[in-house]
Amino acid sequence: MGSQEVSTVDWQGKHVTVAGLGVSGIPAARALHERGALVTVVNDGDDERARAQAAELEALGITVRLGDGATLPPSTELIVTAPGWQPDKPLFLAAAEAGVPVWGDVELAWRLRGDNGKKAAPWLAVTGTNGKTTTVRMLASILEAAGLRTAAVGNIGVSLLDAVLGDTEYDVLAVELSSYQLHWAPSLRAHSAAVLNLAPDHLDWHGSMQAYAADKGRVYEGNTVACVYNVADPATEDLVREADVEEGCRAIGFTLGAPGPSQLGVVDGILVDHAELGG
């Protein structure tokens, strides 16, 4: 199972603003600081927990601004945001006006994979309105049964930053991705990906069903082997058709009925493969 080329960034002296403390912000701030970036963390909240987290980061030499997540710090060259921060926040509007790129924790993990000398494992990415967690856990179990070193990561289980920067060298990662995470992951290019289904969700965050679907569809961009879609949900196949993928990448449909060409389906209770996708 091959992996895409690893992108490298010279972090030394780079002014990076991390938006949000918590499960993604703190590991991101630490990882960037360790690589020589000049990190400023901004956070809307200023409660006791936030102050304790800030103290730990400040002890490392990281600047933290509590109660002010709206103002773009001077000299910022990049923002790394927690996935839940909405795109219309003043911080991001100011960044767009200043030409400052915004990444999420998934984008940062994608850029840092292989940074510590380990093999950069390919990602099998799964998104959809419903069923992501169950599917990713099943995928990880299948990969383990095949003898591959893997983990269920992303919006489930181990964080992606921990997975790509930890000591374990994985053969492949089973990655659950939310629409929030995909919105902030412009250069993610999975080995293969699936959109399980699409239904109206988080429309206050995305602004419209069209924008929500477009962010889900980002998971297919640059896929190298397979784009998996739901035959019963034509909107997922539409996203495959719109995606810019690598030459030779296959569209594979799944259905609970009898499969057509390039599909997996069920006949008399037996899983039937008409996709015949080679390794």
C-alpha atoms as a PDB file:
ATOM      1  CA  MET A   1       0.000   0.000   0.000  1.00  0.00           C
ATOM      2  CA  GLY A   2       1.793   3.131  -1.179  1.00  0.00           C
ATOM      3  CA  SER A   3       1.582   6.628   0.281  1.00  0.00           C
ATOM      4  CA  GLN A   4       1.486  10.036  -1.321  1.00  0.00           C
ATOM      5  CA  GLU A   5       4.482  12.320  -1.348  1.00  0.00           C
ATOM      6  CA  VAL A   6       5.109  14.026   1.973  1.00  0.00           C
ATOM      7  CA  SER A   7       5.048  17.835   1.957  1.00  0.00           C
ATOM      8  CA  THR A   8       7.647  19.611   4.066  1.00  0.00           C
ATOM      9  CA  VAL A   9       7.379  22.967   5.816  1.00  0.00           C
ATOM     10  CA  ASP A  10      10.215  24.922   7.406  1.00  0.00           C
ATOM     11  CA  TRP A  11       8.620  25.787  10.735  1.00  0.00           C
ATOM     12  CA  GLN A  12      11.653  27.521  12.250  1.00  0.00           C
ATOM     13  CA  GLY A  13      10.648  31.074  13.173  1.00  0.00           C
ATOM     14  CA  LYS A  14       7.268  30.807  11.419  1.00  0.00           C
ATOM     15  CA  HIS A  15       4.551  32.806  13.202  1.00  0.00           C
ATOM     16  CA  VAL A  16       1.614  30.445  13.715  1.00  0.00           C
ATOM     17  CA  THR A  17      -1.628  31.212  15.513  1.00  0.00           C
ATOM     18  CA  VAL A  18      -3.479  28.235  16.986  1.00  0.00           C
ATOM     19  CA  ALA A  19      -7.202  28.906  17.369  1.00  0.00           C
ATOM     20  CA  GLY A  20      -8.686  27.150  20.378  1.00  0.00           C
ATOM     21  CA  LEU A  21      -7.418  25.214  23.357  1.00  0.00           C
ATOM     22  CA  GLY A  22      -8.581  21.638  23.860  1.00  0.00           C
ATOM     23  CA  VAL A  23      -8.123  18.218  22.311  1.00  0.00           C
ATOM     24  CA  SER A  24      -6.782  19.541  18.997  1.00  0.00           C
ATOM     25  CA  GLY A  25      -5.349  22.959  19.887  1.00  0.00           C
ATOM     26  CA  ILE A  26      -2.988  21.907  22.661  1.00  0.00           C
ATOM     27  CA  PRO A  27      -1.292  19.058  20.710  1.00  0.00           C
ATOM     28  CA  ALA A  28      -1.035  21.340  17.661  1.00  0.00           C
ATOM     29  CA  ALA A  29       0.579  24.119  19.676  1.00  0.00           C
ATOM     30  CA  ARG A  30       3.078  21.705  21.242  1.00  0.00           C
ATOM     31  CA  ALA A  31       3.979  20.064  17.921  1.00  0.00           C
ATOM     32  CA  LEU A  32       4.539  23.395  16.200  1.00  0.00           C
ATOM     33  CA  HIS A  33       6.554  24.806  19.112  1.00  0.00           C
ATOM     34  CA  GLU A  34       8.776  21.717  19.104  1.00  0.00           C
ATOM     35  CA  ARG A  35       9.529  22.398  15.427  1.00  0.00           C
ATOM     36  CA  GLY A  36      10.655  25.946  16.074  1.00  0.00           C
ATOM     37  CA  ALA A  37       7.486  27.842  15.202  1.00  0.00           C
ATOM     38  CA  LEU A  38       6.610  31.001  17.127  1.00  0.00           C
ATOM     39  CA  VAL A  39       3.208  29.956  18.424  1.00  0.00           C
ATOM     40  CA  THR A  40       0.403  32.128  19.769  1.00  0.00           C
ATOM     41  CA  VAL A  41      -2.747  30.392  21.011  1.00  0.00           C
ATOM     42  CA  VAL A  42      -6.001  32.373  21.035  1.00  0.00           C
ATOM     43  CA  ASN A  43      -9.087  31.156  22.864  1.00  0.00           C
ATOM     44  CA  ASP A  44     -12.575  32.593  23.317  1.00  0.00           C
ATOM     45  CA  GLY A  45     -12.979  31.237  26.843  1.00  0.00           C
ATOM     46  CA  ASP A  46     -11.175  32.413  29.969  1.00  0.00           C
ATOM     47  CA  ASP A  47     -12.364  29.977  32.627  1.00  0.00           C
ATOM     48  CA  GLU A  48     -10.392  28.049  35.237  1.00  0.00           C
ATOM     49  CA  ARG A  49      -9.709  25.122  32.918  1.00  0.00           C
ATOM     50  CA  ALA A  50      -8.505  27.376  30.115  1.00  0.00           C
ATOM     51  CA  ARG A  51      -6.208  29.232  32.494  1.00  0.00           C
ATOM     52  CA  ALA A  52      -4.678  25.935  33.681  1.00  0.00           C
ATOM     53  CA  GLN A  53      -4.113  24.816  30.079  1.00  0.00           C
ATOM     54  CA  ALA A  54      -2.637  28.195  29.223  1.00  0.00           C
ATOM     55  CA  ALA A  55      -0.202  27.990  32.127  1.00  0.00           C
ATOM     56  CA  GLU A  56       1.137  24.648  30.864  1.00  0.00           C
ATOM     57  CA  LEU A  57       1.723  26.047  27.390  1.00  0.00           C
ATOM     58  CA  GLU A  58       3.230  29.293  28.636  1.00  0.00           C
ATOM     59  CA  ALA A  59       5.718  27.273  30.681  1.00  0.00           C
ATOM     60  CA  LEU A  60       7.002  25.944  27.347  1.00  0.00           C
ATOM     61  CA  GLY A  61       7.368  29.437  25.904  1.00  0.00           C
ATOM     62  CA  ILE A  62       4.092  29.489  23.972  1.00  0.00           C
ATOM     63  CA  THR A  63       2.090  32.726  24.037  1.00  0.00           C
ATOM     64  CA  VAL A  64      -1.582  32.326  25.030  1.00  0.00           C
ATOM     65  CA  ARG A  65      -4.352  34.930  24.725  1.00  0.00           C
ATOM     66  CA  LEU A  66      -7.512  34.029  26.641  1.00  0.00           C
ATOM     67  CA  GLY A  67     -10.880  35.672  26.090  1.00  0.00           C
ATOM     68  CA  ASP A  68      -9.868  37.020  22.681  1.00  0.00           C
ATOM     69  CA  GLY A  69     -10.347  34.610  19.826  1.00  0.00           C
ATOM     70  CA  ALA A  70     -11.430  37.291  17.381  1.00  0.00           C
ATOM     71  CA  THR A  71      -8.313  39.377  16.775  1.00  0.00           C
ATOM     72  CA  LEU A  72      -5.605  38.233  14.359  1.00  0.00           C
ATOM     73  CA  PRO A  73      -2.232  38.438  16.160  1.00  0.00           C
ATOM     74  CA  PRO A  74       0.374  40.602  14.397  1.00  0.00           C
ATOM     75  CA  SER A  75       2.821  38.811  12.051  1.00  0.00           C
ATOM     76  CA  THR A  76       0.605  35.692  11.783  1.00  0.00           C
ATOM     77  CA  GLU A  77       1.640  33.638   8.752  1.00  0.00           C
ATOM     78  CA  LEU A  78      -0.666  30.657   9.333  1.00  0.00           C
ATOM     79  CA  ILE A  79      -3.691  29.797  11.477  1.00  0.00           C
ATOM     80  CA  VAL A  80      -4.257  26.260  12.731  1.00  0.00           C
ATOM     81  CA  THR A  81      -7.809  25.994  14.009  1.00  0.00           C
ATOM     82  CA  ALA A  82      -9.895  23.622  16.070  1.00  0.00           C
ATOM     83  CA  PRO A  83     -12.400  22.046  13.656  1.00  0.00           C
ATOM     84  CA  GLY A  84     -15.504  23.472  15.322  1.00  0.00           C
ATOM     85  CA  TRP A  85     -14.619  27.155  14.847  1.00  0.00           C
ATOM     86  CA  GLN A  86     -17.009  28.555  12.231  1.00  0.00           C
ATOM     87  CA  PRO A  87     -15.591  29.985   8.995  1.00  0.00           C
ATOM     88  CA  ASP A  88     -17.344  33.320   9.514  1.00  0.00           C
ATOM     89  CA  LYS A  89     -15.587  34.114  12.785  1.00  0.00           C
ATOM     90  CA  PRO A  90     -13.869  37.531  12.741  1.00  0.00           C
ATOM     91  CA  LEU A  91     -10.459  35.853  13.146  1.00  0.00           C
ATOM     92  CA  PHE A  92     -10.863  34.025   9.846  1.00  0.00           C
ATOM     93  CA  LEU A  93     -12.347  37.006   8.037  1.00  0.00           C
ATOM     94  CA  ALA A  94      -9.298  39.004   9.107  1.00  0.00           C
ATOM     95  CA  ALA A  95      -7.041  36.172   7.960  1.00  0.00           C
ATOM     96  CA  ALA A  96      -8.701  36.080   4.540  1.00  0.00           C
ATOM     97  CA  GLU A  97      -8.269  39.828   4.168  1.00  0.00           C
ATOM     98  CA  ALA A  98      -4.591  39.534   5.126  1.00  0.00           C
ATOM     99  CA  GLY A  99      -3.993  36.519   2.865  1.00  0.00           C
ATOM    100  CA  VAL A 100      -3.223  34.217   5.799  1.00  0.00           C
ATOM    101  CA  PRO A 101      -4.047  30.528   5.174  1.00  0.00           C
ATOM    102  CA  VAL A 102      -6.146  28.556   7.667  1.00  0.00           C
ATOM    103  CA  TRP A 103      -5.560  24.865   8.371  1.00  0.00           C
ATOM    104  CA  GLY A 104      -7.366  22.466  10.666  1.00  0.00           C
ATOM    105  CA  ASP A 105      -5.785  19.815  12.863  1.00  0.00           C
ATOM    106  CA  VAL A 106      -6.318  17.249  10.088  1.00  0.00           C
ATOM    107  CA  GLU A 107      -4.430  19.396   7.578  1.00  0.00           C
ATOM    108  CA  LEU A 108      -1.599  19.858  10.081  1.00  0.00           C
ATOM    109  CA  ALA A 109      -1.423  16.107  10.695  1.00  0.00           C
ATOM    110  CA  TRP A 110      -1.371  15.496   6.935  1.00  0.00           C
ATOM    111  CA  ARG A 111       1.515  17.940   6.522  1.00  0.00           C
ATOM    112  CA  LEU A 112       3.465  16.506   9.482  1.00  0.00           C
ATOM    113  CA  ARG A 113       3.143  12.823   8.590  1.00  0.00           C
ATOM    114  CA  GLY A 114       6.608  11.388   8.039  1.00  0.00           C
ATOM    115  CA  ASP A 115       8.128  14.438   9.747  1.00  0.00           C
ATOM    116  CA  ASN A 116       9.663  12.319  12.520  1.00  0.00           C
ATOM    117  CA  GLY A 117      11.363   9.894  10.145  1.00  0.00           C
ATOM    118  CA  LYS A 118       8.613   7.276  10.201  1.00  0.00           C
ATOM    119  CA  LYS A 119       6.960   5.932   7.088  1.00  0.00           C
ATOM    120  CA  ALA A 120       4.014   8.129   6.090  1.00  0.00           C
ATOM    121  CA  ALA A 121       1.116   5.688   6.215  1.00  0.00           C
ATOM    122  CA  PRO A 122      -1.656   6.074   3.620  1.00  0.00           C
ATOM    123  CA  TRP A 123      -5.077   7.175   4.857  1.00  0.00           C
ATOM    124  CA  LEU A 124      -8.370   5.408   4.177  1.00  0.00           C
ATOM    125  CA  ALA A 125     -10.884   8.169   4.892  1.00  0.00           C
ATOM    126  CA  VAL A 126     -14.556   7.847   5.767  1.00  0.00           C
ATOM    127  CA  THR A 127     -17.160  10.586   6.083  1.00  0.00           C
ATOM    128  CA  GLY A 128     -20.941  10.910   5.854  1.00  0.00           C
ATOM    129  CA  THR A 129     -23.810  12.239   7.883  1.00  0.00           C
ATOM    130  CA  ASN A 130     -24.429   8.948   9.692  1.00  0.00           C
ATOM    131  CA  GLY A 131     -22.492   5.747  10.355  1.00  0.00           C
ATOM    132  CA  LYS A 132     -18.926   7.088  10.227  1.00  0.00           C
ATOM    133  CA  THR A 133     -17.738   5.758  13.583  1.00  0.00           C
ATOM    134  CA  THR A 134     -19.184   2.261  13.109  1.00  0.00           C
ATOM    135  CA  THR A 135     -17.725   2.047   9.609  1.00  0.00           C
ATOM    136  CA  VAL A 136     -14.259   3.223  10.636  1.00  0.00           C
ATOM    137  CA  ARG A 137     -14.135   0.759  13.530  1.00  0.00           C
ATOM    138  CA  MET A 138     -15.150  -2.034  11.154  1.00  0.00           C
ATOM    139  CA  LEU A 139     -12.527  -0.871   8.651  1.00  0.00           C
ATOM    140  CA  ALA A 140      -9.803  -0.900  11.302  1.00  0.00           C
ATOM    141  CA  SER A 141     -10.846  -4.434  12.329  1.00  0.00           C
ATOM    142  CA  ILE A 142     -10.650  -5.604   8.711  1.00  0.00           C
ATOM    143  CA  LEU A 143      -7.193  -4.081   8.297  1.00  0.00           C
ATOM    144  CA  GLU A 144      -5.992  -5.678  11.540  1.00  0.00           C
ATOM    145  CA  ALA A 145      -7.343  -9.056  10.412  1.00  0.00           C
ATOM    146  CA  ALA A 146      -5.298  -8.613   7.234  1.00  0.00           C
ATOM    147  CA  GLY A 147      -2.173  -8.319   9.385  1.00  0.00           C
ATOM    148  CA  LEU A 148      -1.679  -4.584   8.933  1.00  0.00           C
ATOM    149  CA  ARG A 149      -0.653  -2.200  11.698  1.00  0.00           C
ATOM    150  CA  THR A 150      -3.502   0.289  11.871  1.00  0.00           C
ATOM    151  CA  ALA A 151      -5.649   2.445  14.139  1.00  0.00           C
ATOM    152  CA  ALA A 152      -9.054   4.111  14.018  1.00  0.00           C
ATOM    153  CA  VAL A 153      -8.186   7.805  14.174  1.00  0.00           C
ATOM    154  CA  GLY A 154      -9.459  11.305  13.449  1.00  0.00           C
ATOM    155  CA  ASN A 155     -12.940  12.102  14.723  1.00  0.00           C
ATOM    156  CA  ILE A 156     -12.716   8.857  16.709  1.00  0.00           C
ATOM    157  CA  GLY A 157     -10.207   7.238  19.061  1.00  0.00           C
ATOM    158  CA  VAL A 158      -6.596   8.362  18.634  1.00  0.00           C
ATOM    159  CA  SER A 159      -6.076  11.926  17.371  1.00  0.00           C
ATOM    160  CA  LEU A 160      -4.444  12.209  13.972  1.00  0.00           C
ATOM    161  CA  LEU A 161      -1.568  14.274  15.332  1.00  0.00           C
ATOM    162  CA  ASP A 162      -0.843  11.618  17.939  1.00  0.00           C
ATOM    163  CA  ALA A 163      -1.034   8.913  15.281  1.00  0.00           C
ATOM    164  CA  VAL A 164       1.354  10.557  12.822  1.00  0.00           C
ATOM    165  CA  LEU A 165       3.822  11.834  15.443  1.00  0.00           C
ATOM    166  CA  GLY A 166       3.740   8.933  17.914  1.00  0.00           C
ATOM    167  CA  ASP A 167       6.179   6.055  18.171  1.00  0.00           C
ATOM    168  CA  THR A 168       4.036   3.463  16.356  1.00  0.00           C
ATOM    169  CA  GLU A 169       4.746   3.071  12.652  1.00  0.00           C
ATOM    170  CA  TYR A 170       1.438   2.244  10.980  1.00  0.00           C
ATOM    171  CA  ASP A 171       0.948   0.529   7.642  1.00  0.00           C
ATOM    172  CA  VAL A 172      -2.345   2.326   7.044  1.00  0.00           C
ATOM    173  CA  LEU A 173      -4.752   4.522   9.005  1.00  0.00           C
ATOM    174  CA  ALA A 174      -8.558   4.243   9.137  1.00  0.00           C
ATOM    175  CA  VAL A 175      -9.608   7.888   9.378  1.00  0.00           C
ATOM    176  CA  GLU A 176     -13.010   9.251  10.383  1.00  0.00           C
ATOM    177  CA  LEU A 177     -13.491  12.816   9.168  1.00  0.00           C
ATOM    178  CA  SER A 178     -16.256  15.281   9.951  1.00  0.00           C
ATOM    179  CA  SER A 179     -17.431  17.998   7.586  1.00  0.00           C
ATOM    180  CA  TYR A 180     -15.766  20.545   9.906  1.00  0.00           C
ATOM    181  CA  GLN A 181     -12.424  18.777   9.619  1.00  0.00           C
ATOM    182  CA  LEU A 182     -12.685  18.456   5.850  1.00  0.00           C
ATOM    183  CA  HIS A 183     -13.503  22.146   5.460  1.00  0.00           C
ATOM    184  CA  TRP A 184     -10.115  23.052   6.944  1.00  0.00           C
ATOM    185  CA  ALA A 185      -8.067  20.356   5.126  1.00  0.00           C
ATOM    186  CA  PRO A 186      -7.240  21.805   1.677  1.00  0.00           C
ATOM    187  CA  SER A 187      -4.333  19.528   0.737  1.00  0.00           C
ATOM    188  CA  LEU A 188      -5.557  16.194   2.146  1.00  0.00           C
ATOM    189  CA  ARG A 189      -5.176  13.443  -0.465  1.00  0.00           C
ATOM    190  CA  ALA A 190      -6.363  10.049   0.743  1.00  0.00           C
ATOM    191  CA  HIS A 191      -5.416   6.663  -0.696  1.00  0.00           C
ATOM    192  CA  SER A 192      -9.155   5.908  -0.885  1.00  0.00           C
ATOM    193  CA  ALA A 193     -12.243   7.478   0.637  1.00  0.00           C
ATOM    194  CA  ALA A 194     -15.954   6.912   1.187  1.00  0.00           C
ATOM    195  CA  VAL A 195     -18.928   9.210   1.667  1.00  0.00           C
ATOM    196  CA  LEU A 196     -21.529   6.975   3.303  1.00  0.00           C
ATOM    197  CA  ASN A 197     -24.577   9.234   2.935  1.00  0.00           C
ATOM    198  CA  LEU A 198     -25.687  12.860   2.881  1.00  0.00           C
ATOM    199  CA  ALA A 199     -28.527  14.464   4.856  1.00  0.00           C
ATOM    200  CA  PRO A 200     -29.017  18.043   6.094  1.00  0.00           C
ATOM    201  CA  ASP A 201     -26.724  18.550   9.088  1.00  0.00           C
ATOM    202  CA  HIS A 202     -24.705  21.391  10.639  1.00  0.00           C
ATOM    203  CA  LEU A 203     -26.254  23.804   8.136  1.00  0.00           C
ATOM    204  CA  ASP A 204     -25.870  26.708  10.573  1.00  0.00           C
ATOM    205  CA  TRP A 205     -22.104  26.098  10.440  1.00  0.00           C
ATOM    206  CA  HIS A 206     -21.780  25.497   6.698  1.00  0.00           C
ATOM    207  CA  GLY A 207     -24.425  27.990   5.604  1.00  0.00           C
ATOM    208  CA  SER A 208     -26.245  25.733   3.130  1.00  0.00           C
ATOM    209  CA  MET A 209     -26.755  22.112   2.127  1.00  0.00           C
ATOM    210  CA  GLN A 210     -24.668  22.769  -0.979  1.00  0.00           C
ATOM    211  CA  ALA A 211     -21.724  23.990   1.111  1.00  0.00           C
ATOM    212  CA  TYR A 212     -22.104  21.069   3.525  1.00  0.00           C
ATOM    213  CA  ALA A 213     -22.047  18.557   0.654  1.00  0.00           C
ATOM    214  CA  ALA A 214     -19.066  20.300  -0.942  1.00  0.00           C
ATOM    215  CA  ASP A 215     -17.074  19.978   2.284  1.00  0.00           C
ATOM    216  CA  LYS A 216     -17.960  16.289   2.510  1.00  0.00           C
ATOM    217  CA  GLY A 217     -16.890  15.882  -1.115  1.00  0.00           C
ATOM    218  CA  ARG A 218     -13.414  17.200  -0.302  1.00  0.00           C
ATOM    219  CA  VAL A 219     -12.624  13.709   0.992  1.00  0.00           C
ATOM    220  CA  TYR A 220     -12.469  12.448  -2.606  1.00  0.00           C
ATOM    221  CA  GLU A 221     -10.021  15.083  -3.881  1.00  0.00           C
ATOM    222  CA  GLY A 222      -6.776  13.536  -5.068  1.00  0.00           C
ATOM    223  CA  ASN A 223      -7.739   9.951  -4.214  1.00  0.00           C
ATOM    224  CA  THR A 224      -5.333   7.516  -5.800  1.00  0.00           C
ATOM    225  CA  VAL A 225      -7.119   4.148  -5.722  1.00  0.00           C
ATOM    226  CA  ALA A 226     -10.854   4.271  -4.989  1.00  0.00           C
ATOM    227  CA  CYS A 227     -13.748   6.651  -4.333  1.00  0.00           C
ATOM    228  CA  VAL A 228     -16.476   4.663  -2.604  1.00  0.00           C
ATOM    229  CA  TYR A 229     -20.069   5.924  -2.791  1.00  0.00           C
ATOM    230  CA  ASN A 230     -23.566   4.837  -1.724  1.00  0.00           C
ATOM    231  CA  VAL A 231     -25.666   3.600  -4.649  1.00  0.00           C
ATOM    232  CA  ALA A 232     -28.839   4.368  -2.656  1.00  0.00           C
ATOM    233  CA  ASP A 233     -27.764   8.000  -2.198  1.00  0.00           C
ATOM    234  CA  PRO A 234     -27.084   9.504  -5.648  1.00  0.00           C
ATOM    235  CA  ALA A 235     -25.680  12.693  -4.064  1.00  0.00           C
ATOM    236  CA  THR A 236     -22.622  10.714  -2.955  1.00  0.00           C
ATOM    237  CA  GLU A 237     -21.972   9.551  -6.527  1.00  0.00           C
ATOM    238  CA  ASP A 238     -22.359  13.148  -7.708  1.00  0.00           C
ATOM    239  CA  LEU A 239     -19.519  14.115  -5.355  1.00  0.00           C
ATOM    240  CA  VAL A 240     -17.310  11.445  -6.944  1.00  0.00           C
ATOM    241  CA  ARG A 241     -18.077  12.775 -10.412  1.00  0.00           C
ATOM    242  CA  GLU A 242     -17.104  16.293  -9.329  1.00  0.00           C
ATOM    243  CA  ALA A 243     -13.839  15.264  -7.648  1.00  0.00           C
ATOM    244  CA  ASP A 244     -10.406  15.743  -9.189  1.00  0.00           C
ATOM    245  CA  VAL A 245      -8.711  12.376  -8.607  1.00  0.00           C
ATOM    246  CA  GLU A 246      -5.498  10.711  -9.672  1.00  0.00           C
ATOM    247  CA  GLU A 247      -5.471   8.910 -13.013  1.00  0.00           C
ATOM    248  CA  GLY A 248      -6.654   5.316 -12.582  1.00  0.00           C
ATOM    249  CA  CYS A 249      -8.686   5.982  -9.432  1.00  0.00           C
ATOM    250  CA  ARG A 250     -11.886   3.909  -9.480  1.00  0.00           C
ATOM    251  CA  ALA A 251     -15.452   4.815  -8.511  1.00  0.00           C
ATOM    252  CA  ILE A 252     -16.850   1.934  -6.443  1.00  0.00           C
ATOM    253  CA  GLY A 253     -20.506   1.806  -5.407  1.00  0.00           C
ATOM    254  CA  PHE A 254     -21.942  -0.190  -2.523  1.00  0.00           C
ATOM    255  CA  THR A 255     -25.534  -1.410  -2.269  1.00  0.00           C
ATOM    256  CA  LEU A 256     -27.702  -3.793  -0.261  1.00  0.00           C
ATOM    257  CA  GLY A 257     -29.119  -5.046  -3.557  1.00  0.00           C
ATOM    258  CA  ALA A 258     -27.569  -6.957  -6.431  1.00  0.00           C
ATOM    259  CA  PRO A 259     -24.457  -5.081  -7.576  1.00  0.00           C
ATOM    260  CA  GLY A 260     -23.952  -3.630 -11.014  1.00  0.00           C
ATOM    261  CA  PRO A 261     -20.552  -3.163 -12.664  1.00  0.00           C
ATOM    262  CA  SER A 262     -17.961  -1.566 -10.346  1.00  0.00           C
ATOM    263  CA  GLN A 263     -20.173  -2.207  -7.325  1.00  0.00           C
ATOM    264  CA  LEU A 264     -20.303  -4.317  -4.178  1.00  0.00           C
ATOM    265  CA  GLY A 265     -23.692  -5.730  -3.236  1.00  0.00           C
ATOM    266  CA  VAL A 266     -25.656  -8.536  -1.649  1.00  0.00           C
ATOM    267  CA  VAL A 267     -27.278 -11.499  -3.398  1.00  0.00           C
ATOM    268  CA  ASP A 268     -29.134 -14.117  -1.332  1.00  0.00           C
ATOM    269  CA  GLY A 269     -27.370 -12.946   1.804  1.00  0.00           C
ATOM    270  CA  ILE A 270     -23.912 -13.234   0.214  1.00  0.00           C
ATOM    271  CA  LEU A 271     -21.569 -10.301  -0.379  1.00  0.00           C
ATOM    272  CA  VAL A 272     -20.839 -10.095  -4.118  1.00  0.00           C
ATOM    273  CA  ASP A 273     -17.920  -8.126  -5.535  1.00  0.00           C
ATOM    274  CA  HIS A 274     -18.340  -6.739  -9.033  1.00  0.00           C
ATOM    275  CA  ALA A 275     -15.732  -4.066  -8.433  1.00  0.00           C
ATOM    276  CA  GLU A 276     -12.778  -6.450  -8.617  1.00  0.00           C
ATOM    277  CA  LEU A 277     -10.428  -3.828  -7.288  1.00  0.00           C
ATOM    278  CA  GLY A 278      -6.846  -5.057  -7.327  1.00  0.00           C
ATOM    279  CA  GLY A 279      -4.317  -4.285  -4.569  1.00  0.00           C
END
